[in-house]
Amino acid sequence: MSGPANDEFAKSYGALDQVAPDVKTQEAIRADCLLAFPHEHRGEGTEVAIDTKEFTCLCPWTGLPDFGTLRVRYVPDALCLELKSFKYYLLSYRSVGIVQEGAANRILEDLVRVCSPKRMTVVLDYEVRGGIHSVVSATHPPAEGPGGRD
């Protein structure tokens, strides 16, 4: 089909790119707000599990939002992650264009840097997009073998 109505639609559709959200780079991620506090039960086999269904970032190519469930499991050493600071940290992702694998690994790196756990796993379970469901995991220390250290 062609004609003036379709031409106008095509113009309007193309103009949607001008209304897309302002996609920020990873420099906007606020790792500086992450805090840790002393672990009072060091050496007692503590494992911490944190999850939220409110993780969101932007697709770096389309600017459309990605939503997912974030799960963090870690065994603390001397420090534990402070949760209010973690919430603010996660909020800083809302305007950032980042691929799913990049988000999982960046979160892991930032959390390891602030609390130096004995081990930690970050899992991002994204909502279905385009009929495809993806789950991304990143682990510290990296696993041996495929996908880990060689």
N, C-alpha and C. Protein backbone atom coordinates (compact mmCIF):
# COMPACT_ATOMS: atom_id res chain seq x y z
N MET A 1 0.83 -1.18 0.00
CA MET A 1 0.00 0.00 0.00
C MET A 1 0.88 1.24 0.00
N SER A 2 0.45 2.18 -0.78
CA SER A 2 1.17 3.44 -0.77
C SER A 2 0.15 4.56 -0.84
N GLY A 3 0.61 5.76 -0.71
CA GLY A 3 -0.28 6.89 -0.73
C GLY A 3 0.10 7.88 0.35
N PRO A 4 -0.58 9.03 0.35
CA PRO A 4 -0.23 10.08 1.30
C PRO A 4 -0.36 9.66 2.77
N ALA A 5 -1.39 8.86 3.10
CA ALA A 5 -1.57 8.44 4.49
C ALA A 5 -0.40 7.56 4.94
N ASN A 6 0.03 6.64 4.07
CA ASN A 6 1.15 5.77 4.41
C ASN A 6 2.47 6.54 4.46
N ASP A 7 2.64 7.52 3.56
CA ASP A 7 3.85 8.33 3.59
C ASP A 7 3.93 9.12 4.89
N GLU A 8 2.81 9.65 5.32
CA GLU A 8 2.76 10.42 6.57
C GLU A 8 3.07 9.50 7.76
N PHE A 9 2.52 8.28 7.72
CA PHE A 9 2.79 7.31 8.79
C PHE A 9 4.28 6.98 8.83
N ALA A 10 4.89 6.75 7.67
CA ALA A 10 6.31 6.41 7.60
C ALA A 10 7.15 7.55 8.18
N LYS A 11 6.78 8.79 7.88
CA LYS A 11 7.50 9.94 8.43
C LYS A 11 7.37 9.99 9.95
N SER A 12 6.15 9.81 10.42
CA SER A 12 5.89 9.83 11.86
C SER A 12 6.62 8.70 12.57
N TYR A 13 6.61 7.54 11.93
CA TYR A 13 7.29 6.38 12.52
C TYR A 13 8.79 6.64 12.62
N GLY A 14 9.38 7.17 11.60
CA GLY A 14 10.80 7.49 11.60
C GLY A 14 11.15 8.54 12.63
N ALA A 15 10.22 9.45 12.91
CA ALA A 15 10.46 10.52 13.88
C ALA A 15 10.47 9.99 15.32
N LEU A 16 9.99 8.76 15.53
CA LEU A 16 10.01 8.19 16.88
C LEU A 16 11.43 8.11 17.43
N ASP A 17 12.41 7.96 16.57
CA ASP A 17 13.79 7.90 17.03
C ASP A 17 14.20 9.19 17.75
N GLN A 18 13.53 10.29 17.44
CA GLN A 18 13.83 11.56 18.08
C GLN A 18 13.24 11.65 19.49
N VAL A 19 12.26 10.78 19.80
CA VAL A 19 11.62 10.80 21.12
C VAL A 19 12.20 9.72 22.03
N ALA A 20 13.08 8.90 21.50
CA ALA A 20 13.67 7.83 22.29
C ALA A 20 14.39 8.42 23.51
N PRO A 21 14.46 7.65 24.58
CA PRO A 21 15.12 8.16 25.78
C PRO A 21 16.59 8.51 25.53
N ASP A 22 17.09 9.41 26.34
CA ASP A 22 18.50 9.78 26.28
C ASP A 22 19.30 8.64 26.90
N VAL A 23 19.98 7.87 26.07
CA VAL A 23 20.74 6.72 26.54
C VAL A 23 22.11 7.18 27.02
N LYS A 24 22.37 6.93 28.30
CA LYS A 24 23.64 7.32 28.89
C LYS A 24 24.65 6.18 28.77
N THR A 25 25.92 6.53 28.88
CA THR A 25 26.98 5.52 28.84
C THR A 25 27.21 4.96 30.23
N GLN A 26 28.07 3.96 30.33
CA GLN A 26 28.36 3.31 31.61
C GLN A 26 28.98 4.25 32.64
N GLU A 27 29.48 5.38 32.20
CA GLU A 27 30.03 6.35 33.15
C GLU A 27 28.96 6.87 34.10
N ALA A 28 27.68 6.73 33.74
CA ALA A 28 26.58 7.19 34.59
C ALA A 28 26.26 6.22 35.73
N ILE A 29 26.86 5.03 35.71
CA ILE A 29 26.62 4.05 36.78
C ILE A 29 27.32 4.54 38.04
N ARG A 30 26.57 4.62 39.14
CA ARG A 30 27.06 5.21 40.38
C ARG A 30 27.69 4.19 41.33
N ALA A 31 28.78 3.57 40.92
CA ALA A 31 29.47 2.61 41.79
C ALA A 31 30.03 3.30 43.02
N ASP A 32 30.23 4.62 42.94
CA ASP A 32 30.78 5.36 44.07
C ASP A 32 29.84 5.41 45.27
N CYS A 33 28.56 5.11 45.07
CA CYS A 33 27.62 5.16 46.20
C CYS A 33 27.55 3.83 46.96
N LEU A 34 28.18 2.78 46.44
CA LEU A 34 28.16 1.49 47.12
C LEU A 34 28.94 1.54 48.44
N LEU A 35 28.34 0.98 49.48
CA LEU A 35 28.98 0.94 50.79
C LEU A 35 29.02 -0.49 51.32
N ALA A 36 29.96 -0.74 52.19
CA ALA A 36 30.06 -2.04 52.87
C ALA A 36 30.30 -1.77 54.35
N PHE A 37 29.89 -2.72 55.19
CA PHE A 37 30.07 -2.60 56.63
C PHE A 37 30.75 -3.87 57.14
N PRO A 38 31.38 -3.78 58.31
CA PRO A 38 32.12 -4.94 58.84
C PRO A 38 31.19 -6.15 59.08
N HIS A 39 31.69 -7.30 58.68
CA HIS A 39 30.96 -8.56 58.87
C HIS A 39 31.29 -9.09 60.26
N GLU A 40 30.32 -9.06 61.16
CA GLU A 40 30.54 -9.42 62.56
C GLU A 40 30.68 -10.93 62.78
N HIS A 41 30.24 -11.73 61.83
CA HIS A 41 30.26 -13.19 62.00
C HIS A 41 31.21 -13.85 61.02
N ARG A 42 32.32 -13.19 60.79
CA ARG A 42 33.34 -13.68 59.87
C ARG A 42 33.78 -15.09 60.25
N GLY A 43 33.88 -15.96 59.24
CA GLY A 43 34.33 -17.32 59.47
C GLY A 43 33.25 -18.27 59.95
N GLU A 44 31.99 -17.83 59.97
CA GLU A 44 30.91 -18.68 60.48
C GLU A 44 30.05 -19.28 59.36
N GLY A 45 30.50 -19.25 58.13
CA GLY A 45 29.76 -19.89 57.04
C GLY A 45 28.53 -19.13 56.57
N THR A 46 28.52 -17.83 56.71
CA THR A 46 27.38 -17.01 56.31
C THR A 46 27.30 -16.92 54.79
N GLU A 47 26.09 -17.05 54.25
CA GLU A 47 25.83 -16.78 52.84
C GLU A 47 24.70 -15.76 52.78
N VAL A 48 24.85 -14.77 51.92
CA VAL A 48 23.85 -13.72 51.78
C VAL A 48 23.22 -13.84 50.40
N ALA A 49 21.89 -13.78 50.35
CA ALA A 49 21.15 -13.81 49.08
C ALA A 49 20.30 -12.54 49.00
N ILE A 50 20.46 -11.82 47.90
CA ILE A 50 19.73 -10.57 47.66
C ILE A 50 19.04 -10.71 46.31
N ASP A 51 17.78 -10.29 46.22
CA ASP A 51 17.13 -10.28 44.91
C ASP A 51 16.16 -9.12 44.79
N THR A 52 15.96 -8.70 43.56
CA THR A 52 14.99 -7.67 43.25
C THR A 52 14.42 -7.92 41.87
N LYS A 53 13.13 -7.66 41.72
CA LYS A 53 12.48 -7.79 40.42
C LYS A 53 12.42 -6.45 39.70
N GLU A 54 13.12 -5.46 40.23
CA GLU A 54 13.03 -4.10 39.71
C GLU A 54 14.25 -3.63 38.93
N PHE A 55 15.10 -4.56 38.49
CA PHE A 55 16.28 -4.12 37.74
C PHE A 55 15.86 -3.67 36.34
N THR A 56 16.34 -2.53 35.93
CA THR A 56 16.08 -2.06 34.57
C THR A 56 17.27 -1.25 34.06
N CYS A 57 17.51 -1.40 32.77
CA CYS A 57 18.52 -0.63 32.06
C CYS A 57 17.95 -0.41 30.65
N LEU A 58 18.75 0.15 29.77
CA LEU A 58 18.28 0.41 28.41
C LEU A 58 19.07 -0.41 27.40
N CYS A 59 18.41 -0.79 26.33
CA CYS A 59 19.12 -1.40 25.21
C CYS A 59 20.02 -0.32 24.61
N PRO A 60 21.31 -0.60 24.43
CA PRO A 60 22.20 0.44 23.92
C PRO A 60 21.92 0.84 22.48
N TRP A 61 21.18 0.00 21.73
CA TRP A 61 20.93 0.30 20.32
C TRP A 61 19.57 0.96 20.09
N THR A 62 18.54 0.50 20.80
CA THR A 62 17.20 1.05 20.56
C THR A 62 16.78 2.07 21.60
N GLY A 63 17.42 2.04 22.78
CA GLY A 63 17.01 2.91 23.87
C GLY A 63 15.79 2.40 24.61
N LEU A 64 15.27 1.24 24.20
CA LEU A 64 14.10 0.68 24.87
C LEU A 64 14.53 -0.01 26.16
N PRO A 65 13.64 -0.02 27.17
CA PRO A 65 14.03 -0.59 28.46
C PRO A 65 14.09 -2.11 28.46
N ASP A 66 15.05 -2.62 29.22
CA ASP A 66 15.15 -4.04 29.54
C ASP A 66 14.81 -4.17 31.01
N PHE A 67 13.96 -5.13 31.35
CA PHE A 67 13.56 -5.37 32.73
C PHE A 67 13.98 -6.77 33.13
N GLY A 68 14.36 -6.92 34.38
CA GLY A 68 14.75 -8.25 34.82
C GLY A 68 14.78 -8.40 36.32
N THR A 69 14.94 -9.64 36.73
CA THR A 69 15.13 -9.97 38.13
C THR A 69 16.63 -10.15 38.35
N LEU A 70 17.14 -9.49 39.36
CA LEU A 70 18.55 -9.57 39.71
C LEU A 70 18.68 -10.37 41.00
N ARG A 71 19.58 -11.36 40.97
CA ARG A 71 19.88 -12.16 42.16
C ARG A 71 21.39 -12.09 42.43
N VAL A 72 21.73 -11.80 43.67
CA VAL A 72 23.12 -11.79 44.10
C VAL A 72 23.25 -12.75 45.27
N ARG A 73 24.20 -13.67 45.19
CA ARG A 73 24.51 -14.58 46.30
C ARG A 73 26.00 -14.44 46.57
N TYR A 74 26.32 -14.27 47.87
CA TYR A 74 27.74 -14.17 48.17
C TYR A 74 28.05 -14.67 49.57
N VAL A 75 29.30 -15.06 49.73
CA VAL A 75 29.84 -15.43 51.04
C VAL A 75 30.78 -14.30 51.42
N PRO A 76 30.40 -13.52 52.44
CA PRO A 76 31.24 -12.39 52.82
C PRO A 76 32.53 -12.84 53.49
N ASP A 77 33.52 -11.98 53.40
CA ASP A 77 34.75 -12.19 54.15
C ASP A 77 34.72 -11.17 55.29
N ALA A 78 35.38 -10.05 55.15
CA ALA A 78 35.43 -9.04 56.21
C ALA A 78 34.30 -8.03 56.11
N LEU A 79 33.67 -7.92 54.92
CA LEU A 79 32.67 -6.87 54.69
C LEU A 79 31.39 -7.43 54.11
N CYS A 80 30.27 -6.75 54.43
CA CYS A 80 28.96 -7.07 53.84
C CYS A 80 28.47 -5.86 53.05
N LEU A 81 27.72 -6.12 52.03
CA LEU A 81 27.16 -5.07 51.18
C LEU A 81 26.01 -4.37 51.91
N GLU A 82 26.02 -3.05 51.92
CA GLU A 82 24.96 -2.26 52.54
C GLU A 82 23.83 -2.10 51.52
N LEU A 83 22.61 -2.46 51.90
CA LEU A 83 21.51 -2.59 50.94
C LEU A 83 20.94 -1.28 50.42
N LYS A 84 20.87 -0.24 51.25
CA LYS A 84 20.35 1.04 50.75
C LYS A 84 21.27 1.58 49.65
N SER A 85 22.57 1.48 49.87
CA SER A 85 23.51 1.95 48.85
C SER A 85 23.39 1.11 47.58
N PHE A 86 23.12 -0.19 47.75
CA PHE A 86 22.94 -1.08 46.60
C PHE A 86 21.72 -0.67 45.79
N LYS A 87 20.63 -0.31 46.47
CA LYS A 87 19.41 0.14 45.77
C LYS A 87 19.70 1.39 44.93
N TYR A 88 20.40 2.36 45.52
CA TYR A 88 20.74 3.57 44.77
C TYR A 88 21.66 3.25 43.59
N TYR A 89 22.58 2.35 43.82
CA TYR A 89 23.47 1.91 42.73
C TYR A 89 22.65 1.33 41.59
N LEU A 90 21.72 0.43 41.90
CA LEU A 90 20.89 -0.19 40.85
C LEU A 90 20.03 0.84 40.12
N LEU A 91 19.53 1.84 40.83
CA LEU A 91 18.74 2.89 40.19
C LEU A 91 19.53 3.65 39.14
N SER A 92 20.84 3.71 39.31
CA SER A 92 21.66 4.45 38.34
C SER A 92 21.72 3.76 36.98
N TYR A 93 21.30 2.51 36.89
CA TYR A 93 21.28 1.78 35.61
C TYR A 93 20.09 2.18 34.73
N ARG A 94 19.08 2.83 35.28
CA ARG A 94 17.83 3.08 34.57
C ARG A 94 17.99 3.81 33.24
N SER A 95 18.99 4.65 33.12
CA SER A 95 19.19 5.44 31.90
C SER A 95 20.40 4.97 31.10
N VAL A 96 21.01 3.87 31.53
CA VAL A 96 22.26 3.43 30.92
C VAL A 96 22.01 2.39 29.83
N GLY A 97 22.61 2.60 28.68
CA GLY A 97 22.56 1.63 27.60
C GLY A 97 23.65 0.60 27.81
N ILE A 98 23.26 -0.65 28.08
CA ILE A 98 24.25 -1.69 28.37
C ILE A 98 23.66 -3.04 27.98
N VAL A 99 24.47 -3.87 27.35
CA VAL A 99 24.01 -5.21 26.97
C VAL A 99 23.88 -6.06 28.23
N GLN A 100 23.10 -7.10 28.15
CA GLN A 100 22.79 -7.92 29.31
C GLN A 100 24.04 -8.55 29.93
N GLU A 101 24.90 -9.10 29.11
CA GLU A 101 26.13 -9.70 29.62
C GLU A 101 27.01 -8.65 30.29
N GLY A 102 27.05 -7.47 29.71
CA GLY A 102 27.83 -6.38 30.28
C GLY A 102 27.30 -5.94 31.62
N ALA A 103 25.97 -5.90 31.77
CA ALA A 103 25.37 -5.50 33.04
C ALA A 103 25.71 -6.49 34.15
N ALA A 104 25.57 -7.78 33.88
CA ALA A 104 25.87 -8.80 34.90
C ALA A 104 27.33 -8.71 35.33
N ASN A 105 28.23 -8.59 34.38
CA ASN A 105 29.65 -8.53 34.71
C ASN A 105 30.03 -7.22 35.40
N ARG A 106 29.44 -6.13 34.99
CA ARG A 106 29.73 -4.83 35.63
C ARG A 106 29.25 -4.84 37.09
N ILE A 107 28.05 -5.36 37.32
CA ILE A 107 27.53 -5.43 38.69
C ILE A 107 28.46 -6.29 39.55
N LEU A 108 28.85 -7.44 39.03
CA LEU A 108 29.76 -8.32 39.76
C LEU A 108 31.06 -7.59 40.09
N GLU A 109 31.68 -6.95 39.12
CA GLU A 109 32.94 -6.25 39.33
C GLU A 109 32.81 -5.17 40.40
N ASP A 110 31.74 -4.38 40.33
CA ASP A 110 31.55 -3.30 41.30
C ASP A 110 31.32 -3.84 42.70
N LEU A 111 30.53 -4.90 42.83
CA LEU A 111 30.25 -5.46 44.15
C LEU A 111 31.49 -6.12 44.75
N VAL A 112 32.24 -6.83 43.93
CA VAL A 112 33.48 -7.45 44.42
C VAL A 112 34.45 -6.37 44.88
N ARG A 113 34.52 -5.29 44.14
CA ARG A 113 35.43 -4.19 44.49
C ARG A 113 35.07 -3.59 45.86
N VAL A 114 33.78 -3.48 46.16
CA VAL A 114 33.39 -2.81 47.41
C VAL A 114 33.41 -3.72 48.64
N CYS A 115 33.14 -5.02 48.47
CA CYS A 115 33.05 -5.86 49.67
C CYS A 115 33.97 -7.08 49.67
N SER A 116 34.75 -7.30 48.63
CA SER A 116 35.74 -8.39 48.56
C SER A 116 35.24 -9.71 49.15
N PRO A 117 34.18 -10.27 48.59
CA PRO A 117 33.64 -11.51 49.15
C PRO A 117 34.54 -12.71 48.84
N LYS A 118 34.31 -13.79 49.59
CA LYS A 118 35.03 -15.03 49.30
C LYS A 118 34.57 -15.57 47.95
N ARG A 119 33.26 -15.49 47.72
CA ARG A 119 32.71 -15.83 46.41
C ARG A 119 31.40 -15.09 46.22
N MET A 120 31.04 -14.89 44.96
CA MET A 120 29.82 -14.15 44.63
C MET A 120 29.33 -14.57 43.26
N THR A 121 28.01 -14.65 43.13
CA THR A 121 27.39 -14.90 41.83
C THR A 121 26.29 -13.87 41.62
N VAL A 122 26.28 -13.28 40.43
CA VAL A 122 25.24 -12.34 40.01
C VAL A 122 24.48 -13.00 38.88
N VAL A 123 23.16 -13.05 39.00
CA VAL A 123 22.31 -13.62 37.96
C VAL A 123 21.29 -12.56 37.56
N LEU A 124 21.24 -12.26 36.27
CA LEU A 124 20.23 -11.36 35.71
C LEU A 124 19.30 -12.20 34.84
N ASP A 125 18.05 -12.28 35.26
CA ASP A 125 17.02 -13.05 34.55
C ASP A 125 16.10 -12.03 33.88
N TYR A 126 16.30 -11.82 32.59
CA TYR A 126 15.59 -10.77 31.87
C TYR A 126 14.20 -11.22 31.43
N GLU A 127 13.29 -10.27 31.35
CA GLU A 127 11.97 -10.53 30.82
C GLU A 127 12.10 -10.88 29.34
N VAL A 128 11.15 -11.61 28.83
CA VAL A 128 11.17 -12.02 27.43
C VAL A 128 11.08 -10.78 26.54
N ARG A 129 11.96 -10.75 25.53
CA ARG A 129 11.90 -9.67 24.55
C ARG A 129 12.03 -10.29 23.18
N GLY A 130 11.09 -10.01 22.31
CA GLY A 130 11.12 -10.56 20.96
C GLY A 130 10.99 -12.07 20.97
N GLY A 131 10.31 -12.61 22.00
CA GLY A 131 10.11 -14.05 22.09
C GLY A 131 11.32 -14.81 22.63
N ILE A 132 12.35 -14.09 23.06
CA ILE A 132 13.56 -14.75 23.55
C ILE A 132 13.77 -14.39 25.03
N HIS A 133 14.00 -15.41 25.83
CA HIS A 133 14.27 -15.24 27.26
C HIS A 133 15.74 -15.49 27.49
N SER A 134 16.39 -14.62 28.26
CA SER A 134 17.81 -14.84 28.54
C SER A 134 18.10 -14.67 30.03
N VAL A 135 19.02 -15.47 30.50
CA VAL A 135 19.51 -15.41 31.86
C VAL A 135 21.03 -15.35 31.78
N VAL A 136 21.61 -14.35 32.44
CA VAL A 136 23.06 -14.16 32.40
C VAL A 136 23.61 -14.30 33.81
N SER A 137 24.67 -15.11 33.97
CA SER A 137 25.32 -15.31 35.27
C SER A 137 26.78 -14.89 35.17
N ALA A 138 27.27 -14.28 36.23
CA ALA A 138 28.69 -13.94 36.35
C ALA A 138 29.13 -14.34 37.75
N THR A 139 30.32 -14.94 37.86
CA THR A 139 30.78 -15.51 39.13
C THR A 139 32.19 -15.04 39.49
N HIS A 140 32.40 -14.84 40.78
CA HIS A 140 33.71 -14.50 41.34
C HIS A 140 34.03 -15.51 42.43
N PRO A 141 35.18 -16.12 42.45
CA PRO A 141 36.17 -16.08 41.38
C PRO A 141 35.65 -16.84 40.16
N PRO A 142 36.17 -16.50 38.98
CA PRO A 142 35.68 -17.16 37.77
C PRO A 142 35.84 -18.68 37.85
N ALA A 143 34.89 -19.38 37.27
CA ALA A 143 34.95 -20.85 37.23
C ALA A 143 36.06 -21.31 36.31
N GLU A 144 36.59 -22.47 36.60
CA GLU A 144 37.59 -23.07 35.72
C GLU A 144 36.88 -23.70 34.53
N GLY A 145 37.54 -23.81 33.39
CA GLY A 145 36.97 -24.50 32.24
C GLY A 145 36.21 -23.57 31.32
N PRO A 146 35.25 -24.13 30.51
CA PRO A 146 34.52 -23.33 29.53
C PRO A 146 33.83 -22.14 30.16
N GLY A 147 34.06 -20.97 29.60
CA GLY A 147 33.45 -19.76 30.10
C GLY A 147 34.18 -19.15 31.28
N GLY A 148 35.15 -19.84 31.83
CA GLY A 148 35.93 -19.35 32.96
C GLY A 148 37.38 -19.20 32.56
N ARG A 149 38.24 -19.33 33.55
CA ARG A 149 39.68 -19.23 33.25
C ARG A 149 40.13 -20.45 32.48
N ASP A 150 41.06 -20.26 31.58
CA ASP A 150 41.60 -21.40 30.82
C ASP A 150 43.00 -21.71 31.27
